[in-house]
Amino acid sequence: MPQAYNYKRITSTGATVVSISQMGMLHGVTLNQQSTAGATSTTNMIGIYDSTTTFAASSASGVIANVQANNSGVGDYIFDVLYANGLTIAVGSAVSPVDITVIYT
C-alpha cells in the first residue's frame, strides 16, 4: 500500500500558530497563495518547528525550516523530515493573505 499522508490547510492574515501534536514526518508545504508583501520582509517567513509550544519558545530550538512566502515563484517545498515532538507552523505578521497546505504523517 502506498504511503498515506494527512494534510492541514492554513488560511490566515497576520500572525498565526497552528500545532500538530504528535510525532511523524513532515512531507511538504505548498504555498497556495503567496504573500503580496515585499520580498525582503522577514515578516513574510513561515516558520516550521519540531515543537508544540508557542512560536517564541520554538524559535530557540527545533527549527525545521523557514519558508520565505513572497512572490518568488516557488510554491512547493518537499522536506521528508521526521519530527519527534509535534509540528508548529508559525505564519509571520506581514504574510497577507496566506493560504498554505502542510502535508504530514
C-alpha atoms as a PDB file:
ATOM      1  CA  MET A   1       0.000   0.000   0.000  1.00  0.00           C
ATOM      2  CA  PRO A   2       1.375   3.473  -0.817  1.00  0.00           C
ATOM      3  CA  GLN A   3       2.298   5.884   1.974  1.00  0.00           C
ATOM      4  CA  ALA A   4      -0.749   7.874   3.075  1.00  0.00           C
ATOM      5  CA  TYR A   5      -0.383  11.498   4.162  1.00  0.00           C
ATOM      6  CA  ASN A   6      -2.534  13.830   6.233  1.00  0.00           C
ATOM      7  CA  TYR A   7      -2.887  17.480   5.356  1.00  0.00           C
ATOM      8  CA  LYS A   8      -3.811  20.693   7.074  1.00  0.00           C
ATOM      9  CA  ARG A   9      -4.802  23.771   5.108  1.00  0.00           C
ATOM     10  CA  ILE A  10      -3.919  27.040   6.807  1.00  0.00           C
ATOM     11  CA  THR A  11      -5.543  30.274   5.704  1.00  0.00           C
ATOM     12  CA  SER A  12      -4.555  33.334   7.647  1.00  0.00           C
ATOM     13  CA  THR A  13      -3.881  37.027   7.625  1.00  0.00           C
ATOM     14  CA  GLY A  14      -1.405  38.073  10.288  1.00  0.00           C
ATOM     15  CA  ALA A  15       0.481  36.066  12.887  1.00  0.00           C
ATOM     16  CA  THR A  16      -0.916  32.573  13.390  1.00  0.00           C
ATOM     17  CA  VAL A  17       0.396  29.435  15.079  1.00  0.00           C
ATOM     18  CA  VAL A  18      -1.008  26.028  14.137  1.00  0.00           C
ATOM     19  CA  SER A  19       0.162  22.959  16.029  1.00  0.00           C
ATOM     20  CA  ILE A  20       0.008  19.276  15.195  1.00  0.00           C
ATOM     21  CA  SER A  21       0.586  17.393  18.457  1.00  0.00           C
ATOM     22  CA  GLN A  22       2.034  14.042  17.521  1.00  0.00           C
ATOM     23  CA  MET A  23       5.269  12.622  16.210  1.00  0.00           C
ATOM     24  CA  GLY A  24       5.503  11.985  12.495  1.00  0.00           C
ATOM     25  CA  MET A  25       7.038  13.121   9.234  1.00  0.00           C
ATOM     26  CA  LEU A  26       6.704  16.478   7.527  1.00  0.00           C
ATOM     27  CA  HIS A  27       6.402  15.626   3.842  1.00  0.00           C
ATOM     28  CA  GLY A  28       5.978  19.089   2.368  1.00  0.00           C
ATOM     29  CA  VAL A  29       4.434  22.541   2.257  1.00  0.00           C
ATOM     30  CA  THR A  30       2.528  24.020  -0.682  1.00  0.00           C
ATOM     31  CA  LEU A  31       2.037  27.775  -0.938  1.00  0.00           C
ATOM     32  CA  ASN A  32      -1.434  28.072  -2.458  1.00  0.00           C
ATOM     33  CA  GLN A  33      -1.439  31.879  -2.108  1.00  0.00           C
ATOM     34  CA  GLN A  34       1.883  33.643  -1.728  1.00  0.00           C
ATOM     35  CA  SER A  35       2.336  36.921   0.101  1.00  0.00           C
ATOM     36  CA  THR A  36       1.850  40.171  -1.754  1.00  0.00           C
ATOM     37  CA  ALA A  37       4.148  41.993   0.691  1.00  0.00           C
ATOM     38  CA  GLY A  38       7.711  42.996  -0.222  1.00  0.00           C
ATOM     39  CA  ALA A  39      10.191  40.211  -0.958  1.00  0.00           C
ATOM     40  CA  THR A  40      12.778  41.359   1.594  1.00  0.00           C
ATOM     41  CA  SER A  41      10.488  41.474   4.618  1.00  0.00           C
ATOM     42  CA  THR A  42      11.474  38.975   7.334  1.00  0.00           C
ATOM     43  CA  THR A  43       7.855  39.021   8.482  1.00  0.00           C
ATOM     44  CA  ASN A  44       6.994  37.076   5.301  1.00  0.00           C
ATOM     45  CA  MET A  45       8.509  33.980   6.866  1.00  0.00           C
ATOM     46  CA  ILE A  46       6.592  30.836   7.666  1.00  0.00           C
ATOM     47  CA  GLY A  47       8.463  29.046  10.467  1.00  0.00           C
ATOM     48  CA  ILE A  48       8.217  25.262  10.830  1.00  0.00           C
ATOM     49  CA  TYR A  49       9.321  23.797  14.172  1.00  0.00           C
ATOM     50  CA  ASP A  50       9.644  20.388  15.859  1.00  0.00           C
ATOM     51  CA  SER A  51       7.628  21.545  18.844  1.00  0.00           C
ATOM     52  CA  THR A  52       4.108  22.145  20.112  1.00  0.00           C
ATOM     53  CA  THR A  53       4.963  25.214  22.166  1.00  0.00           C
ATOM     54  CA  THR A  54       4.401  28.828  21.240  1.00  0.00           C
ATOM     55  CA  PHE A  55       6.203  30.447  18.314  1.00  0.00           C
ATOM     56  CA  ALA A  56       8.512  32.470  20.592  1.00  0.00           C
ATOM     57  CA  ALA A  57       9.554  29.398  22.578  1.00  0.00           C
ATOM     58  CA  SER A  58      10.011  27.327  19.429  1.00  0.00           C
ATOM     59  CA  SER A  59      12.309  29.780  17.696  1.00  0.00           C
ATOM     60  CA  ALA A  60      15.236  28.987  20.010  1.00  0.00           C
ATOM     61  CA  SER A  61      15.412  25.323  19.022  1.00  0.00           C
ATOM     62  CA  GLY A  62      13.767  22.710  16.873  1.00  0.00           C
ATOM     63  CA  VAL A  63      13.766  24.712  13.643  1.00  0.00           C
ATOM     64  CA  ILE A  64      12.942  22.512  10.653  1.00  0.00           C
ATOM     65  CA  ALA A  65      12.703  25.312   8.087  1.00  0.00           C
ATOM     66  CA  ASN A  66      11.850  28.927   7.476  1.00  0.00           C
ATOM     67  CA  VAL A  67       9.989  29.382   4.208  1.00  0.00           C
ATOM     68  CA  GLN A  68      10.006  32.794   2.535  1.00  0.00           C
ATOM     69  CA  ALA A  69       6.396  33.269   1.419  1.00  0.00           C
ATOM     70  CA  ASN A  70       6.835  36.058  -1.090  1.00  0.00           C
ATOM     71  CA  ASN A  71       6.342  36.238  -4.833  1.00  0.00           C
ATOM     72  CA  SER A  72       9.491  34.228  -5.537  1.00  0.00           C
ATOM     73  CA  GLY A  73       7.645  31.786  -7.773  1.00  0.00           C
ATOM     74  CA  VAL A  74       8.416  28.773  -5.565  1.00  0.00           C
ATOM     75  CA  GLY A  75       5.210  27.134  -4.395  1.00  0.00           C
ATOM     76  CA  ASP A  76       6.117  23.596  -3.310  1.00  0.00           C
ATOM     77  CA  TYR A  77       8.670  22.575  -0.691  1.00  0.00           C
ATOM     78  CA  ILE A  78       9.431  18.889  -0.064  1.00  0.00           C
ATOM     79  CA  PHE A  79      11.124  18.034   3.252  1.00  0.00           C
ATOM     80  CA  ASP A  80      10.507  14.363   4.181  1.00  0.00           C
ATOM     81  CA  VAL A  81      11.903  15.038   7.647  1.00  0.00           C
ATOM     82  CA  LEU A  82      10.898  13.342  10.916  1.00  0.00           C
ATOM     83  CA  TYR A  83       9.708  15.355  13.883  1.00  0.00           C
ATOM     84  CA  ALA A  84       9.521  13.934  17.401  1.00  0.00           C
ATOM     85  CA  ASN A  85       7.638  16.494  19.473  1.00  0.00           C
ATOM     86  CA  GLY A  86       4.881  17.689  17.178  1.00  0.00           C
ATOM     87  CA  LEU A  87       4.753  20.297  14.468  1.00  0.00           C
ATOM     88  CA  THR A  88       4.259  24.043  14.854  1.00  0.00           C
ATOM     89  CA  ILE A  89       3.712  26.266  11.829  1.00  0.00           C
ATOM     90  CA  ALA A  90       4.040  29.975  12.573  1.00  0.00           C
ATOM     91  CA  VAL A  91       2.911  32.480   9.944  1.00  0.00           C
ATOM     92  CA  GLY A  92       4.630  35.872  10.023  1.00  0.00           C
ATOM     93  CA  SER A  93       2.582  39.011  10.521  1.00  0.00           C
ATOM     94  CA  ALA A  94       3.187  40.566   7.081  1.00  0.00           C
ATOM     95  CA  VAL A  95       2.100  37.498   5.149  1.00  0.00           C
ATOM     96  CA  SER A  96      -1.259  38.692   3.970  1.00  0.00           C
ATOM     97  CA  PRO A  97      -3.083  36.728   2.923  1.00  0.00           C
ATOM     98  CA  VAL A  98      -1.529  33.306   3.262  1.00  0.00           C
ATOM     99  CA  ASP A  99      -3.019  30.033   2.118  1.00  0.00           C
ATOM    100  CA  ILE A 100      -0.751  27.034   2.604  1.00  0.00           C
ATOM    101  CA  THR A 101      -1.191  23.283   2.795  1.00  0.00           C
ATOM    102  CA  VAL A 102       1.023  21.232   5.122  1.00  0.00           C
ATOM    103  CA  ILE A 103       1.389  17.547   4.215  1.00  0.00           C
ATOM    104  CA  TYR A 104       2.454  15.217   7.037  1.00  0.00           C
ATOM    105  CA  THR A 105       2.074  11.764   8.554  1.00  0.00           C
END
